[in-house]
Amino acid sequence: MQRILFILTVAVMLLFGADKAYAQRDLPGQTGIQFTTGGVNHFLSWKSGGERHYFTSLALTRTNRNRTHWLYGLDYQIKEYTYEGKAIPKAQFTGELGYFIPVLADKGRNVCLRVGLSALGGFETVNWGTSLLHDGATATNGDSFIYGGGLTAAFDVWLTDRIVFLLQVKERALFGTDAGNFHTQIGLGLRVIIN
């Protein structure tokens, strides 16, 4: 009987003390690894005609004392353009350094809207560096170094104290490219808190 009473007491304490677990969210020095993927400009991975427009990113985040956080990331983005019925890929490989501030959050930090500003730099390749196309024509756009910035709105949903579901919209402005300076990314992802 004492064991059952003890188990019930512990269960009640856990239920009433569950809100204390929220204190483990957005702690100073907390580090997370996040993976995000989604569509570019057309907001679908595949456009009609078979063209692919998507991105994938891997990043490390570190939370500051004021619940802001730094993001250090690597990003791969591909857009395909149709020429004579064939897809010509334009791929971008970029590094990102971003600073995110919380704008809105509920009391328990279950959901949080963050806004971030990032510096971006990297490399762009058109048709994987091959200027000769399948029909003998030559691509006028070549490989180049790219640089610029990004503005992100990120919606974080804490599934547990260690796993965060992400929904983000990012507007990237890149220069040094011949294929358009502005691209919008909409993606979903997960962040896992590792410490």
N, C-alpha and C. Protein backbone atom coordinates (compact mmCIF):
# COMPACT_ATOMS: atom_id res chain seq x y z
N MET A 1 0.82 -1.20 0.00
CA MET A 1 0.00 0.00 0.00
C MET A 1 0.86 1.25 0.00
N GLN A 2 1.97 1.21 0.75
CA GLN A 2 2.85 2.37 0.81
C GLN A 2 3.50 2.64 -0.55
N ARG A 3 3.83 1.57 -1.29
CA ARG A 3 4.42 1.75 -2.63
C ARG A 3 3.44 2.42 -3.57
N ILE A 4 2.18 2.00 -3.53
CA ILE A 4 1.17 2.60 -4.40
C ILE A 4 0.98 4.06 -4.04
N LEU A 5 0.92 4.37 -2.74
CA LEU A 5 0.78 5.75 -2.29
C LEU A 5 1.98 6.59 -2.74
N PHE A 6 3.17 6.01 -2.63
CA PHE A 6 4.39 6.70 -3.06
C PHE A 6 4.34 6.97 -4.56
N ILE A 7 3.96 5.99 -5.38
CA ILE A 7 3.88 6.15 -6.84
C ILE A 7 2.85 7.21 -7.20
N LEU A 8 1.69 7.18 -6.54
CA LEU A 8 0.67 8.20 -6.81
C LEU A 8 1.16 9.59 -6.43
N THR A 9 1.85 9.70 -5.30
CA THR A 9 2.39 11.00 -4.87
C THR A 9 3.39 11.53 -5.89
N VAL A 10 4.29 10.67 -6.35
CA VAL A 10 5.27 11.08 -7.36
C VAL A 10 4.58 11.49 -8.65
N ALA A 11 3.55 10.74 -9.07
CA ALA A 11 2.82 11.06 -10.30
C ALA A 11 2.14 12.42 -10.20
N VAL A 12 1.51 12.70 -9.05
CA VAL A 12 0.86 14.00 -8.86
C VAL A 12 1.89 15.13 -8.85
N MET A 13 3.02 14.91 -8.20
CA MET A 13 4.08 15.93 -8.17
C MET A 13 4.61 16.21 -9.58
N LEU A 14 4.75 15.16 -10.38
CA LEU A 14 5.22 15.35 -11.76
C LEU A 14 4.20 16.13 -12.58
N LEU A 15 2.91 15.83 -12.37
CA LEU A 15 1.88 16.55 -13.11
C LEU A 15 1.85 18.02 -12.74
N PHE A 16 1.90 18.32 -11.46
CA PHE A 16 1.85 19.70 -11.02
C PHE A 16 3.17 20.43 -11.23
N GLY A 17 4.24 19.68 -11.32
CA GLY A 17 5.55 20.29 -11.53
C GLY A 17 5.97 20.33 -12.98
N ALA A 18 5.05 19.94 -13.88
CA ALA A 18 5.41 19.87 -15.30
C ALA A 18 5.80 21.23 -15.87
N ASP A 19 5.19 22.30 -15.35
CA ASP A 19 5.53 23.62 -15.87
C ASP A 19 6.96 24.03 -15.54
N LYS A 20 7.58 23.40 -14.58
CA LYS A 20 8.96 23.71 -14.24
C LYS A 20 9.92 23.29 -15.36
N ALA A 21 9.49 22.31 -16.17
CA ALA A 21 10.34 21.83 -17.27
C ALA A 21 10.56 22.92 -18.31
N TYR A 22 9.65 23.88 -18.41
CA TYR A 22 9.79 24.95 -19.40
C TYR A 22 11.01 25.81 -19.12
N ALA A 23 11.48 25.79 -17.89
CA ALA A 23 12.66 26.58 -17.54
C ALA A 23 13.90 26.07 -18.28
N GLN A 24 13.81 24.88 -18.88
CA GLN A 24 14.94 24.31 -19.62
C GLN A 24 14.98 24.82 -21.05
N ARG A 25 14.11 25.73 -21.44
CA ARG A 25 14.04 26.22 -22.80
C ARG A 25 14.71 27.58 -22.91
N ASP A 26 15.51 27.75 -23.97
CA ASP A 26 16.21 29.03 -24.24
C ASP A 26 17.13 29.44 -23.11
N LEU A 27 17.84 28.51 -22.53
CA LEU A 27 18.81 28.84 -21.49
C LEU A 27 20.08 29.41 -22.10
N PRO A 28 20.74 30.33 -21.43
CA PRO A 28 22.01 30.85 -21.94
C PRO A 28 23.02 29.72 -22.14
N GLY A 29 23.67 29.74 -23.29
CA GLY A 29 24.67 28.73 -23.60
C GLY A 29 24.13 27.46 -24.22
N GLN A 30 22.81 27.33 -24.31
CA GLN A 30 22.23 26.14 -24.91
C GLN A 30 22.62 26.07 -26.39
N THR A 31 23.03 24.89 -26.82
CA THR A 31 23.47 24.70 -28.20
C THR A 31 22.55 23.71 -28.88
N GLY A 32 22.21 23.98 -30.13
CA GLY A 32 21.35 23.09 -30.89
C GLY A 32 21.86 22.88 -32.30
N ILE A 33 21.49 21.75 -32.86
CA ILE A 33 21.78 21.46 -34.26
C ILE A 33 20.44 21.40 -34.97
N GLN A 34 20.33 22.14 -36.09
CA GLN A 34 19.06 22.14 -36.79
C GLN A 34 19.22 21.80 -38.27
N PHE A 35 18.22 21.11 -38.78
CA PHE A 35 18.15 20.73 -40.19
C PHE A 35 16.86 21.30 -40.75
N THR A 36 16.95 22.00 -41.87
CA THR A 36 15.78 22.62 -42.49
C THR A 36 15.80 22.33 -43.99
N THR A 37 14.63 22.10 -44.56
CA THR A 37 14.51 21.89 -46.00
C THR A 37 13.18 22.45 -46.48
N GLY A 38 13.12 22.82 -47.75
CA GLY A 38 11.88 23.36 -48.28
C GLY A 38 12.02 23.84 -49.71
N GLY A 39 11.05 24.63 -50.13
CA GLY A 39 11.00 25.12 -51.50
C GLY A 39 11.56 26.52 -51.65
N VAL A 40 11.92 26.85 -52.88
CA VAL A 40 12.48 28.16 -53.22
C VAL A 40 11.58 28.83 -54.25
N ASN A 41 11.16 30.04 -53.96
CA ASN A 41 10.35 30.91 -54.82
C ASN A 41 8.98 30.34 -55.17
N HIS A 42 8.90 29.14 -55.69
CA HIS A 42 7.61 28.58 -56.07
C HIS A 42 6.96 27.83 -54.91
N PHE A 43 7.72 27.67 -53.81
CA PHE A 43 7.25 27.06 -52.58
C PHE A 43 6.88 25.60 -52.72
N LEU A 44 7.26 25.00 -53.81
CA LEU A 44 7.11 23.56 -54.00
C LEU A 44 8.45 23.05 -54.49
N SER A 45 8.81 21.84 -54.08
CA SER A 45 10.09 21.29 -54.50
C SER A 45 10.16 21.08 -56.00
N TRP A 46 9.05 20.68 -56.61
CA TRP A 46 9.03 20.46 -58.04
C TRP A 46 7.95 21.30 -58.67
N LYS A 47 8.35 22.03 -59.68
CA LYS A 47 7.44 22.86 -60.44
C LYS A 47 6.89 22.03 -61.60
N SER A 48 5.81 22.45 -62.21
CA SER A 48 5.34 21.74 -63.39
C SER A 48 6.43 21.82 -64.46
N GLY A 49 6.64 20.75 -65.17
CA GLY A 49 7.71 20.69 -66.15
C GLY A 49 8.93 19.97 -65.60
N GLY A 50 8.89 19.54 -64.32
CA GLY A 50 9.98 18.76 -63.76
C GLY A 50 11.11 19.56 -63.16
N GLU A 51 11.03 20.89 -63.16
CA GLU A 51 12.10 21.69 -62.57
C GLU A 51 12.08 21.55 -61.05
N ARG A 52 13.26 21.46 -60.46
CA ARG A 52 13.37 21.39 -59.00
C ARG A 52 13.79 22.76 -58.47
N HIS A 53 13.16 23.17 -57.39
CA HIS A 53 13.48 24.43 -56.72
C HIS A 53 13.42 24.15 -55.22
N TYR A 54 14.55 23.82 -54.59
CA TYR A 54 14.52 23.50 -53.17
C TYR A 54 15.83 23.89 -52.50
N PHE A 55 15.82 23.86 -51.18
CA PHE A 55 17.03 24.13 -50.41
C PHE A 55 17.10 23.16 -49.24
N THR A 56 18.29 22.98 -48.73
CA THR A 56 18.55 22.18 -47.54
C THR A 56 19.61 22.91 -46.74
N SER A 57 19.43 23.00 -45.43
CA SER A 57 20.45 23.66 -44.61
C SER A 57 20.69 22.89 -43.32
N LEU A 58 21.91 23.01 -42.84
CA LEU A 58 22.33 22.43 -41.57
C LEU A 58 22.99 23.55 -40.79
N ALA A 59 22.60 23.71 -39.52
CA ALA A 59 23.10 24.84 -38.75
C ALA A 59 23.31 24.47 -37.29
N LEU A 60 24.14 25.26 -36.65
CA LEU A 60 24.40 25.18 -35.21
C LEU A 60 23.88 26.47 -34.60
N THR A 61 23.11 26.37 -33.51
CA THR A 61 22.60 27.56 -32.83
C THR A 61 23.15 27.62 -31.41
N ARG A 62 23.31 28.83 -30.92
CA ARG A 62 23.78 29.03 -29.54
C ARG A 62 22.97 30.16 -28.93
N THR A 63 22.32 29.87 -27.79
CA THR A 63 21.43 30.83 -27.13
C THR A 63 22.22 31.77 -26.22
N ASN A 64 21.86 33.05 -26.25
CA ASN A 64 22.48 34.08 -25.42
C ASN A 64 21.67 34.31 -24.16
N ARG A 65 22.15 35.19 -23.28
CA ARG A 65 21.47 35.47 -22.00
C ARG A 65 20.08 36.06 -22.18
N ASN A 66 19.88 36.85 -23.22
CA ASN A 66 18.60 37.52 -23.42
C ASN A 66 17.65 36.74 -24.33
N ARG A 67 17.86 35.42 -24.47
CA ARG A 67 17.05 34.51 -25.28
C ARG A 67 17.20 34.73 -26.78
N THR A 68 18.11 35.58 -27.18
CA THR A 68 18.46 35.66 -28.59
C THR A 68 19.39 34.50 -28.90
N HIS A 69 19.62 34.25 -30.19
CA HIS A 69 20.62 33.23 -30.48
C HIS A 69 21.36 33.50 -31.78
N TRP A 70 22.57 32.97 -31.83
CA TRP A 70 23.42 33.02 -33.02
C TRP A 70 23.18 31.74 -33.81
N LEU A 71 23.27 31.87 -35.13
CA LEU A 71 23.13 30.71 -36.00
C LEU A 71 24.34 30.68 -36.94
N TYR A 72 24.99 29.51 -37.01
CA TYR A 72 26.12 29.29 -37.91
C TYR A 72 25.70 28.15 -38.83
N GLY A 73 25.51 28.43 -40.13
CA GLY A 73 24.92 27.41 -40.99
C GLY A 73 25.58 27.24 -42.33
N LEU A 74 25.26 26.11 -42.95
CA LEU A 74 25.63 25.80 -44.33
C LEU A 74 24.34 25.53 -45.08
N ASP A 75 24.26 26.06 -46.31
CA ASP A 75 23.02 26.00 -47.07
C ASP A 75 23.31 25.54 -48.50
N TYR A 76 22.45 24.67 -49.02
CA TYR A 76 22.51 24.23 -50.41
C TYR A 76 21.17 24.55 -51.04
N GLN A 77 21.20 25.31 -52.13
CA GLN A 77 19.97 25.68 -52.82
C GLN A 77 20.13 25.36 -54.29
N ILE A 78 19.10 24.78 -54.90
CA ILE A 78 19.13 24.48 -56.33
C ILE A 78 17.86 24.99 -56.98
N LYS A 79 18.05 25.61 -58.14
CA LYS A 79 16.94 26.01 -59.00
C LYS A 79 17.28 25.52 -60.39
N GLU A 80 16.29 24.97 -61.06
CA GLU A 80 16.52 24.49 -62.42
C GLU A 80 15.72 25.35 -63.40
N TYR A 81 16.33 25.60 -64.55
CA TYR A 81 15.71 26.37 -65.61
C TYR A 81 15.63 25.48 -66.84
N THR A 82 14.48 25.50 -67.53
CA THR A 82 14.29 24.63 -68.68
C THR A 82 14.84 25.29 -69.94
N TYR A 83 15.63 24.52 -70.68
CA TYR A 83 16.16 24.95 -71.98
C TYR A 83 16.03 23.77 -72.93
N GLU A 84 15.26 23.97 -74.01
CA GLU A 84 15.06 22.92 -75.01
C GLU A 84 14.59 21.60 -74.37
N GLY A 85 13.70 21.71 -73.40
CA GLY A 85 13.14 20.52 -72.77
C GLY A 85 14.02 19.87 -71.72
N LYS A 86 15.19 20.42 -71.45
CA LYS A 86 16.10 19.86 -70.45
C LYS A 86 16.28 20.86 -69.32
N ALA A 87 16.48 20.35 -68.11
CA ALA A 87 16.68 21.21 -66.93
C ALA A 87 18.14 21.59 -66.80
N ILE A 88 18.41 22.90 -66.69
CA ILE A 88 19.76 23.42 -66.46
C ILE A 88 19.81 23.85 -65.00
N PRO A 89 20.64 23.19 -64.15
CA PRO A 89 20.65 23.52 -62.72
C PRO A 89 21.54 24.73 -62.40
N LYS A 90 21.06 25.52 -61.46
CA LYS A 90 21.87 26.57 -60.85
C LYS A 90 21.90 26.27 -59.36
N ALA A 91 23.05 25.90 -58.85
CA ALA A 91 23.18 25.51 -57.45
C ALA A 91 24.01 26.55 -56.69
N GLN A 92 23.61 26.81 -55.47
CA GLN A 92 24.33 27.74 -54.59
C GLN A 92 24.72 27.03 -53.31
N PHE A 93 25.95 27.20 -52.92
CA PHE A 93 26.49 26.67 -51.67
C PHE A 93 26.90 27.88 -50.84
N THR A 94 26.24 28.11 -49.71
CA THR A 94 26.52 29.31 -48.93
C THR A 94 26.75 28.98 -47.46
N GLY A 95 27.53 29.82 -46.82
CA GLY A 95 27.69 29.82 -45.38
C GLY A 95 26.87 30.95 -44.82
N GLU A 96 26.38 30.81 -43.60
CA GLU A 96 25.50 31.81 -43.00
C GLU A 96 25.91 32.09 -41.57
N LEU A 97 25.93 33.36 -41.22
CA LEU A 97 26.10 33.81 -39.84
C LEU A 97 24.91 34.70 -39.53
N GLY A 98 24.04 34.26 -38.59
CA GLY A 98 22.82 35.00 -38.32
C GLY A 98 22.60 35.27 -36.85
N TYR A 99 21.81 36.32 -36.58
CA TYR A 99 21.46 36.70 -35.22
C TYR A 99 19.94 36.79 -35.15
N PHE A 100 19.33 36.02 -34.23
CA PHE A 100 17.87 35.92 -34.14
C PHE A 100 17.39 36.44 -32.79
N ILE A 101 16.30 37.24 -32.84
CA ILE A 101 15.71 37.77 -31.62
C ILE A 101 14.27 37.27 -31.49
N PRO A 102 13.83 36.93 -30.27
CA PRO A 102 12.43 36.52 -30.10
C PRO A 102 11.52 37.75 -30.14
N VAL A 103 10.44 37.63 -30.91
CA VAL A 103 9.49 38.73 -31.04
C VAL A 103 8.23 38.45 -30.22
N LEU A 104 7.71 37.24 -30.33
CA LEU A 104 6.53 36.83 -29.59
C LEU A 104 6.75 35.42 -29.05
N ALA A 105 6.28 35.17 -27.83
CA ALA A 105 6.36 33.83 -27.26
C ALA A 105 5.30 33.70 -26.18
N ASP A 106 4.81 32.47 -25.99
CA ASP A 106 3.87 32.25 -24.89
C ASP A 106 4.66 32.09 -23.59
N LYS A 107 3.95 32.11 -22.48
CA LYS A 107 4.59 32.08 -21.16
C LYS A 107 5.45 30.85 -20.94
N GLY A 108 4.97 29.70 -21.42
CA GLY A 108 5.72 28.46 -21.23
C GLY A 108 6.79 28.22 -22.28
N ARG A 109 6.98 29.17 -23.21
CA ARG A 109 7.96 29.05 -24.30
C ARG A 109 7.66 27.82 -25.15
N ASN A 110 6.37 27.49 -25.31
CA ASN A 110 6.01 26.39 -26.19
C ASN A 110 6.12 26.78 -27.65
N VAL A 111 5.79 28.03 -27.95
CA VAL A 111 5.91 28.56 -29.31
C VAL A 111 6.61 29.90 -29.23
N CYS A 112 7.40 30.20 -30.25
CA CYS A 112 8.14 31.46 -30.27
C CYS A 112 8.33 31.90 -31.71
N LEU A 113 8.06 33.16 -31.98
CA LEU A 113 8.32 33.75 -33.29
C LEU A 113 9.61 34.54 -33.18
N ARG A 114 10.57 34.23 -34.02
CA ARG A 114 11.86 34.92 -34.03
C ARG A 114 12.09 35.59 -35.38
N VAL A 115 12.81 36.67 -35.34
CA VAL A 115 13.23 37.36 -36.55
C VAL A 115 14.74 37.40 -36.55
N GLY A 116 15.34 37.09 -37.71
CA GLY A 116 16.79 37.03 -37.78
C GLY A 116 17.34 37.74 -39.00
N LEU A 117 18.54 38.25 -38.84
CA LEU A 117 19.28 38.90 -39.92
C LEU A 117 20.58 38.13 -40.09
N SER A 118 20.93 37.79 -41.34
CA SER A 118 22.09 36.94 -41.60
C SER A 118 23.00 37.54 -42.66
N ALA A 119 24.28 37.24 -42.55
CA ALA A 119 25.25 37.51 -43.60
C ALA A 119 25.49 36.20 -44.34
N LEU A 120 25.53 36.24 -45.66
CA LEU A 120 25.68 35.05 -46.48
C LEU A 120 26.85 35.22 -47.44
N GLY A 121 27.54 34.14 -47.70
CA GLY A 121 28.61 34.14 -48.70
C GLY A 121 28.87 32.73 -49.17
N GLY A 122 29.26 32.60 -50.44
CA GLY A 122 29.51 31.26 -50.94
C GLY A 122 29.81 31.22 -52.42
N PHE A 123 29.37 30.15 -53.06
CA PHE A 123 29.72 29.85 -54.43
C PHE A 123 28.47 29.41 -55.19
N GLU A 124 28.36 29.84 -56.44
CA GLU A 124 27.26 29.45 -57.31
C GLU A 124 27.82 28.76 -58.54
N THR A 125 27.20 27.67 -58.94
CA THR A 125 27.61 26.98 -60.16
C THR A 125 26.40 26.80 -61.06
N VAL A 126 26.61 27.02 -62.36
CA VAL A 126 25.56 26.85 -63.35
C VAL A 126 25.91 25.62 -64.18
N ASN A 127 24.96 24.69 -64.29
CA ASN A 127 25.13 23.44 -65.04
C ASN A 127 26.37 22.68 -64.57
N TRP A 128 26.64 22.74 -63.28
CA TRP A 128 27.77 22.05 -62.64
C TRP A 128 29.11 22.36 -63.31
N GLY A 129 29.24 23.64 -63.75
CA GLY A 129 30.51 24.09 -64.32
C GLY A 129 30.70 23.79 -65.79
N THR A 130 29.74 23.13 -66.41
CA THR A 130 29.84 22.80 -67.83
C THR A 130 29.11 23.86 -68.65
N SER A 131 29.84 24.58 -69.48
CA SER A 131 29.21 25.63 -70.27
C SER A 131 28.56 25.09 -71.55
N LEU A 132 29.01 23.93 -72.02
CA LEU A 132 28.44 23.33 -73.22
C LEU A 132 27.17 22.59 -72.87
N LEU A 133 26.06 22.96 -73.52
CA LEU A 133 24.77 22.34 -73.25
C LEU A 133 24.55 21.13 -74.16
N HIS A 134 23.49 20.37 -73.90
CA HIS A 134 23.23 19.12 -74.61
C HIS A 134 23.04 19.28 -76.11
N ASP A 135 22.62 20.46 -76.58
CA ASP A 135 22.40 20.66 -78.02
C ASP A 135 23.56 21.38 -78.70
N GLY A 136 24.68 21.57 -77.97
CA GLY A 136 25.84 22.24 -78.54
C GLY A 136 25.92 23.73 -78.24
N ALA A 137 24.85 24.29 -77.67
CA ALA A 137 24.86 25.71 -77.30
C ALA A 137 25.75 25.91 -76.07
N THR A 138 26.12 27.16 -75.82
CA THR A 138 26.97 27.49 -74.69
C THR A 138 26.20 28.32 -73.68
N ALA A 139 26.29 27.96 -72.42
CA ALA A 139 25.66 28.75 -71.35
C ALA A 139 26.47 30.01 -71.13
N THR A 140 25.79 31.15 -71.10
CA THR A 140 26.50 32.43 -70.91
C THR A 140 26.80 32.71 -69.44
N ASN A 141 26.01 32.13 -68.53
CA ASN A 141 26.25 32.31 -67.10
C ASN A 141 27.26 31.28 -66.63
N GLY A 142 28.23 31.73 -65.85
CA GLY A 142 29.24 30.81 -65.35
C GLY A 142 29.22 30.71 -63.85
N ASP A 143 30.23 30.02 -63.31
CA ASP A 143 30.37 29.89 -61.87
C ASP A 143 30.86 31.21 -61.29
N SER A 144 30.44 31.50 -60.06
CA SER A 144 30.83 32.77 -59.45
C SER A 144 30.75 32.69 -57.93
N PHE A 145 31.45 33.62 -57.28
CA PHE A 145 31.33 33.79 -55.84
C PHE A 145 30.15 34.71 -55.58
N ILE A 146 29.38 34.41 -54.56
CA ILE A 146 28.19 35.19 -54.24
C ILE A 146 28.26 35.66 -52.79
N TYR A 147 27.59 36.75 -52.51
CA TYR A 147 27.59 37.34 -51.16
C TYR A 147 26.32 38.15 -50.98
N GLY A 148 25.93 38.36 -49.74
CA GLY A 148 24.74 39.15 -49.47
C GLY A 148 24.22 38.91 -48.07
N GLY A 149 22.89 38.92 -47.95
CA GLY A 149 22.29 38.76 -46.63
C GLY A 149 20.92 38.12 -46.73
N GLY A 150 20.35 37.87 -45.56
CA GLY A 150 19.03 37.25 -45.49
C GLY A 150 18.24 37.79 -44.31
N LEU A 151 16.94 37.85 -44.49
CA LEU A 151 16.01 38.24 -43.42
C LEU A 151 15.07 37.06 -43.21
N THR A 152 14.98 36.56 -41.99
CA THR A 152 14.23 35.34 -41.69
C THR A 152 13.18 35.58 -40.62
N ALA A 153 12.00 35.01 -40.83
CA ALA A 153 10.98 34.89 -39.79
C ALA A 153 10.87 33.41 -39.48
N ALA A 154 11.15 33.03 -38.24
CA ALA A 154 11.17 31.61 -37.85
C ALA A 154 10.16 31.39 -36.73
N PHE A 155 9.33 30.39 -36.91
CA PHE A 155 8.32 30.02 -35.92
C PHE A 155 8.78 28.71 -35.28
N ASP A 156 9.13 28.76 -33.99
CA ASP A 156 9.62 27.59 -33.25
C ASP A 156 8.49 27.00 -32.41
N VAL A 157 8.30 25.69 -32.51
CA VAL A 157 7.33 24.98 -31.68
C VAL A 157 8.11 23.92 -30.90
N TRP A 158 8.17 24.08 -29.57
CA TRP A 158 8.90 23.14 -28.73
C TRP A 158 8.06 21.89 -28.54
N LEU A 159 8.52 20.77 -29.10
CA LEU A 159 7.83 19.49 -28.92
C LEU A 159 8.19 18.88 -27.57
N THR A 160 9.46 19.01 -27.19
CA THR A 160 9.96 18.63 -25.87
C THR A 160 10.99 19.68 -25.48
N ASP A 161 11.64 19.52 -24.34
CA ASP A 161 12.68 20.47 -23.95
C ASP A 161 13.93 20.35 -24.82
N ARG A 162 14.03 19.33 -25.62
CA ARG A 162 15.21 19.11 -26.46
C ARG A 162 14.93 19.09 -27.95
N ILE A 163 13.66 19.05 -28.36
CA ILE A 163 13.32 18.97 -29.78
C ILE A 163 12.38 20.11 -30.14
N VAL A 164 12.77 20.87 -31.18
CA VAL A 164 12.01 22.03 -31.62
C VAL A 164 11.63 21.84 -33.08
N PHE A 165 10.33 21.97 -33.39
CA PHE A 165 9.85 21.95 -34.77
C PHE A 165 9.96 23.37 -35.32
N LEU A 166 10.43 23.53 -36.56
CA LEU A 166 10.67 24.84 -37.14
C LEU A 166 9.85 25.06 -38.40
N LEU A 167 9.33 26.26 -38.54
CA LEU A 167 8.73 26.72 -39.79
C LEU A 167 9.37 28.07 -40.05
N GLN A 168 9.99 28.23 -41.23
CA GLN A 168 10.69 29.50 -41.48
C GLN A 168 10.44 30.02 -42.88
N VAL A 169 10.48 31.33 -43.00
CA VAL A 169 10.43 32.03 -44.27
C VAL A 169 11.65 32.93 -44.31
N LYS A 170 12.46 32.77 -45.36
CA LYS A 170 13.69 33.56 -45.48
C LYS A 170 13.75 34.23 -46.84
N GLU A 171 14.03 35.52 -46.83
CA GLU A 171 14.28 36.26 -48.08
C GLU A 171 15.78 36.47 -48.19
N ARG A 172 16.37 35.91 -49.25
CA ARG A 172 17.81 36.02 -49.47
C ARG A 172 18.06 37.04 -50.56
N ALA A 173 19.02 37.93 -50.33
CA ALA A 173 19.47 38.90 -51.33
C ALA A 173 20.95 38.62 -51.58
N LEU A 174 21.26 38.08 -52.75
CA LEU A 174 22.63 37.71 -53.07
C LEU A 174 23.11 38.44 -54.31
N PHE A 175 24.36 38.83 -54.28
CA PHE A 175 24.97 39.56 -55.39
C PHE A 175 26.15 38.76 -55.92
N GLY A 176 26.52 39.03 -57.19
CA GLY A 176 27.55 38.26 -57.85
C GLY A 176 26.96 37.13 -58.68
N THR A 177 25.63 37.06 -58.72
CA THR A 177 24.93 36.03 -59.49
C THR A 177 24.27 36.66 -60.72
N ASP A 178 24.13 35.88 -61.78
CA ASP A 178 23.46 36.35 -63.00
C ASP A 178 22.00 35.88 -63.06
N ALA A 179 21.57 35.11 -62.11
CA ALA A 179 20.25 34.47 -62.19
C ALA A 179 19.26 35.00 -61.16
N GLY A 180 19.28 36.28 -60.89
CA GLY A 180 18.33 36.88 -59.95
C GLY A 180 18.94 37.06 -58.57
N ASN A 181 18.73 38.23 -57.99
CA ASN A 181 19.33 38.54 -56.70
C ASN A 181 18.49 38.14 -55.51
N PHE A 182 17.18 38.04 -55.67
CA PHE A 182 16.29 37.79 -54.54
C PHE A 182 15.60 36.44 -54.68
N HIS A 183 15.64 35.65 -53.61
CA HIS A 183 14.98 34.35 -53.59
C HIS A 183 14.33 34.15 -52.23
N THR A 184 13.10 33.65 -52.23
CA THR A 184 12.36 33.37 -51.00
C THR A 184 12.38 31.87 -50.72
N GLN A 185 12.77 31.51 -49.52
CA GLN A 185 12.76 30.11 -49.09
C GLN A 185 11.69 29.92 -48.02
N ILE A 186 10.89 28.88 -48.17
CA ILE A 186 9.94 28.49 -47.13
C ILE A 186 10.26 27.05 -46.77
N GLY A 187 10.53 26.80 -45.48
CA GLY A 187 10.96 25.47 -45.10
C GLY A 187 10.47 25.00 -43.75
N LEU A 188 10.60 23.70 -43.55
CA LEU A 188 10.30 23.04 -42.29
C LEU A 188 11.57 22.39 -41.78
N GLY A 189 11.67 22.26 -40.46
CA GLY A 189 12.88 21.63 -39.93
C GLY A 189 12.74 21.22 -38.49
N LEU A 190 13.84 20.70 -37.96
CA LEU A 190 13.92 20.29 -36.57
C LEU A 190 15.22 20.81 -35.98
N ARG A 191 15.15 21.25 -34.73
CA ARG A 191 16.36 21.60 -33.97
C ARG A 191 16.44 20.67 -32.78
N VAL A 192 17.59 20.09 -32.56
CA VAL A 192 17.81 19.21 -31.41
C VAL A 192 18.80 19.90 -30.49
N ILE A 193 18.40 20.12 -29.24
CA ILE A 193 19.27 20.73 -28.25
C ILE A 193 20.25 19.67 -27.76
N ILE A 194 21.54 19.95 -27.89
CA ILE A 194 22.55 18.93 -27.56
C ILE A 194 23.22 19.16 -26.21
N ASN A 195 22.95 20.29 -25.54
CA ASN A 195 23.51 20.46 -24.19
C ASN A 195 22.55 21.26 -23.31
